[in-house]
């Protein structure tokens, strides 16, 4: 459960976002998307390095070897 302070901060951020003009909103949107992509990439690097994705890769390669894949 979020703390009261966090909820107040989130509500303040939401209220501030509502005051942005279209250009500022698009800039914020781009920043959020870029930040999310960076965090996603970092998590994928951690997962790949730890072997967490090895089973998925093996499954995909097995499907390829079995002819169950199509060219894009």
N, C-alpha and C. Protein backbone atom coordinates (compact mmCIF):
# COMPACT_ATOMS: atom_id res chain seq x y z
N UNK A 1 0.85 -1.18 0.00
CA UNK A 1 0.00 0.00 0.00
C UNK A 1 0.89 1.24 0.00
N UNK A 2 0.56 2.19 -0.82
CA UNK A 2 1.35 3.41 -0.93
C UNK A 2 1.16 4.27 0.31
N UNK A 3 2.22 4.92 0.70
CA UNK A 3 2.14 5.80 1.85
C UNK A 3 1.35 7.06 1.48
N UNK A 4 0.91 7.77 2.49
CA UNK A 4 0.18 9.01 2.27
C UNK A 4 1.04 10.01 1.53
N UNK A 5 2.32 10.09 1.89
CA UNK A 5 3.24 11.01 1.21
C UNK A 5 3.35 10.66 -0.27
N UNK A 6 3.52 9.38 -0.57
CA UNK A 6 3.63 8.96 -1.97
C UNK A 6 2.35 9.27 -2.73
N UNK A 7 1.22 9.04 -2.11
CA UNK A 7 -0.05 9.33 -2.78
C UNK A 7 -0.18 10.83 -3.03
N UNK A 8 0.20 11.65 -2.05
CA UNK A 8 0.13 13.09 -2.23
C UNK A 8 1.06 13.51 -3.36
N UNK A 9 2.28 12.96 -3.37
CA UNK A 9 3.23 13.29 -4.43
C UNK A 9 2.68 12.87 -5.78
N UNK A 10 2.13 11.68 -5.88
CA UNK A 10 1.56 11.21 -7.14
C UNK A 10 0.41 12.12 -7.57
N UNK A 11 -0.43 12.48 -6.65
CA UNK A 11 -1.54 13.37 -6.98
C UNK A 11 -1.04 14.74 -7.44
N UNK A 12 0.05 15.22 -6.82
CA UNK A 12 0.64 16.49 -7.23
C UNK A 12 1.22 16.38 -8.64
N UNK A 13 1.87 15.26 -8.93
CA UNK A 13 2.44 15.05 -10.27
C UNK A 13 1.32 14.99 -11.30
N UNK A 14 0.26 14.24 -10.99
CA UNK A 14 -0.87 14.15 -11.92
C UNK A 14 -1.48 15.52 -12.17
N UNK A 15 -1.64 16.30 -11.11
CA UNK A 15 -2.21 17.65 -11.26
C UNK A 15 -1.29 18.53 -12.11
N UNK A 16 0.02 18.42 -11.91
CA UNK A 16 0.97 19.20 -12.70
C UNK A 16 0.92 18.79 -14.16
N UNK A 17 0.79 17.50 -14.42
CA UNK A 17 0.71 17.01 -15.80
C UNK A 17 -0.52 17.59 -16.49
N UNK A 18 -1.61 17.68 -15.75
CA UNK A 18 -2.84 18.23 -16.33
C UNK A 18 -2.68 19.69 -16.77
N UNK A 19 -1.67 20.38 -16.26
CA UNK A 19 -1.47 21.80 -16.63
C UNK A 19 -0.56 21.97 -17.84
N UNK A 20 0.06 20.90 -18.31
CA UNK A 20 1.00 21.00 -19.43
C UNK A 20 0.28 21.30 -20.74
N UNK A 21 0.93 22.10 -21.58
CA UNK A 21 0.38 22.28 -22.92
C UNK A 21 0.76 21.04 -23.75
N UNK A 22 0.27 20.97 -24.96
CA UNK A 22 0.47 19.77 -25.79
C UNK A 22 1.95 19.46 -26.02
N UNK A 23 2.74 20.47 -26.32
CA UNK A 23 4.17 20.24 -26.58
C UNK A 23 4.88 19.73 -25.34
N UNK A 24 4.57 20.32 -24.19
CA UNK A 24 5.19 19.87 -22.94
C UNK A 24 4.76 18.44 -22.61
N UNK A 25 3.49 18.15 -22.85
CA UNK A 25 3.00 16.79 -22.58
C UNK A 25 3.72 15.78 -23.46
N UNK A 26 3.90 16.10 -24.75
CA UNK A 26 4.60 15.18 -25.65
C UNK A 26 6.06 14.99 -25.21
N UNK A 27 6.68 16.05 -24.73
CA UNK A 27 8.06 15.96 -24.23
C UNK A 27 8.12 15.05 -23.00
N UNK A 28 7.17 15.22 -22.10
CA UNK A 28 7.10 14.36 -20.92
C UNK A 28 6.84 12.91 -21.31
N UNK A 29 5.93 12.72 -22.23
CA UNK A 29 5.60 11.38 -22.71
C UNK A 29 6.82 10.70 -23.30
N UNK A 30 7.58 11.42 -24.11
CA UNK A 30 8.80 10.87 -24.70
C UNK A 30 9.80 10.51 -23.61
N UNK A 31 9.95 11.38 -22.61
CA UNK A 31 10.88 11.12 -21.51
C UNK A 31 10.47 9.84 -20.77
N UNK A 32 9.19 9.69 -20.49
CA UNK A 32 8.71 8.50 -19.78
C UNK A 32 8.95 7.25 -20.62
N UNK A 33 8.66 7.29 -21.90
CA UNK A 33 8.88 6.14 -22.77
C UNK A 33 10.36 5.79 -22.84
N UNK A 34 11.21 6.80 -23.00
CA UNK A 34 12.66 6.56 -23.04
C UNK A 34 13.15 5.95 -21.73
N UNK A 35 12.66 6.47 -20.62
CA UNK A 35 13.07 5.95 -19.30
C UNK A 35 12.61 4.51 -19.14
N UNK A 36 11.39 4.22 -19.54
CA UNK A 36 10.86 2.87 -19.45
C UNK A 36 11.68 1.91 -20.33
N UNK A 37 12.00 2.35 -21.54
CA UNK A 37 12.81 1.50 -22.43
C UNK A 37 14.18 1.22 -21.84
N UNK A 38 14.79 2.24 -21.23
CA UNK A 38 16.10 2.06 -20.60
C UNK A 38 16.02 1.05 -19.46
N UNK A 39 14.99 1.17 -18.64
CA UNK A 39 14.82 0.22 -17.52
C UNK A 39 14.55 -1.20 -18.06
N UNK A 40 13.77 -1.31 -19.12
CA UNK A 40 13.47 -2.60 -19.74
C UNK A 40 14.76 -3.24 -20.26
N UNK A 41 15.55 -2.45 -20.97
CA UNK A 41 16.82 -2.96 -21.51
C UNK A 41 17.74 -3.44 -20.40
N UNK A 42 17.82 -2.66 -19.32
CA UNK A 42 18.68 -3.05 -18.20
C UNK A 42 18.20 -4.35 -17.57
N UNK A 43 16.89 -4.51 -17.43
CA UNK A 43 16.36 -5.75 -16.85
C UNK A 43 16.61 -6.93 -17.78
N UNK A 44 16.47 -6.72 -19.08
CA UNK A 44 16.76 -7.80 -20.03
C UNK A 44 18.22 -8.21 -19.96
N UNK A 45 19.12 -7.24 -19.80
CA UNK A 45 20.55 -7.55 -19.66
C UNK A 45 20.79 -8.39 -18.42
N UNK A 46 20.17 -8.03 -17.31
CA UNK A 46 20.31 -8.78 -16.06
C UNK A 46 19.77 -10.19 -16.25
N UNK A 47 18.58 -10.30 -16.83
CA UNK A 47 17.96 -11.62 -17.03
C UNK A 47 18.79 -12.49 -17.97
N UNK A 48 19.31 -11.91 -19.04
CA UNK A 48 20.12 -12.67 -19.99
C UNK A 48 21.43 -13.12 -19.34
N UNK A 49 22.06 -12.24 -18.59
CA UNK A 49 23.33 -12.57 -17.94
C UNK A 49 23.16 -13.65 -16.87
N UNK A 50 22.00 -13.68 -16.24
CA UNK A 50 21.77 -14.63 -15.15
C UNK A 50 21.33 -16.00 -15.66
N UNK A 51 21.06 -16.10 -16.97
CA UNK A 51 20.59 -17.37 -17.53
C UNK A 51 19.09 -17.54 -17.45
N UNK A 52 18.41 -16.51 -16.98
CA UNK A 52 16.96 -16.59 -16.80
C UNK A 52 16.22 -16.81 -18.14
N UNK A 53 16.84 -16.39 -19.24
CA UNK A 53 16.19 -16.51 -20.54
C UNK A 53 16.66 -17.73 -21.33
N UNK A 54 17.55 -18.51 -20.75
CA UNK A 54 18.12 -19.65 -21.48
C UNK A 54 17.06 -20.66 -21.93
N UNK A 55 16.09 -20.93 -21.08
CA UNK A 55 15.05 -21.89 -21.43
C UNK A 55 14.21 -21.38 -22.61
N UNK A 56 13.94 -20.09 -22.63
CA UNK A 56 13.18 -19.52 -23.74
C UNK A 56 13.97 -19.61 -25.04
N UNK A 57 15.26 -19.31 -24.96
CA UNK A 57 16.11 -19.39 -26.15
C UNK A 57 16.19 -20.82 -26.65
N UNK A 58 16.33 -21.78 -25.75
CA UNK A 58 16.41 -23.18 -26.15
C UNK A 58 15.11 -23.63 -26.81
N UNK A 59 13.99 -23.18 -26.27
CA UNK A 59 12.69 -23.52 -26.85
C UNK A 59 12.54 -22.93 -28.25
N UNK A 60 12.96 -21.68 -28.42
CA UNK A 60 12.88 -21.04 -29.73
C UNK A 60 13.78 -21.75 -30.74
N UNK A 61 14.98 -22.10 -30.33
CA UNK A 61 15.89 -22.80 -31.23
C UNK A 61 15.37 -24.19 -31.60
N UNK A 62 14.74 -24.87 -30.64
CA UNK A 62 14.16 -26.18 -30.91
C UNK A 62 13.02 -26.06 -31.93
N UNK A 63 12.20 -25.03 -31.79
CA UNK A 63 11.11 -24.80 -32.74
C UNK A 63 11.67 -24.50 -34.12
N UNK A 64 12.75 -23.72 -34.18
CA UNK A 64 13.39 -23.43 -35.45
C UNK A 64 13.93 -24.71 -36.09
N UNK A 65 14.63 -25.52 -35.31
CA UNK A 65 15.19 -26.77 -35.81
C UNK A 65 14.10 -27.73 -36.28
N UNK A 66 12.92 -27.67 -35.65
CA UNK A 66 11.83 -28.55 -36.01
C UNK A 66 11.02 -28.02 -37.19
N UNK A 67 11.43 -26.88 -37.73
CA UNK A 67 10.72 -26.31 -38.88
C UNK A 67 9.40 -25.66 -38.51
N UNK A 68 9.22 -25.27 -37.27
CA UNK A 68 7.96 -24.68 -36.82
C UNK A 68 7.96 -23.16 -36.90
N UNK A 69 8.98 -22.60 -37.53
CA UNK A 69 9.08 -21.14 -37.62
C UNK A 69 8.94 -20.73 -39.09
N UNK A 70 8.47 -19.53 -39.30
CA UNK A 70 8.38 -18.99 -40.65
C UNK A 70 9.24 -17.75 -40.75
N UNK A 71 9.76 -17.48 -41.94
CA UNK A 71 10.55 -16.28 -42.17
C UNK A 71 9.64 -15.06 -42.08
N UNK A 72 10.22 -14.00 -41.60
CA UNK A 72 9.45 -12.74 -41.51
C UNK A 72 9.55 -11.99 -42.82
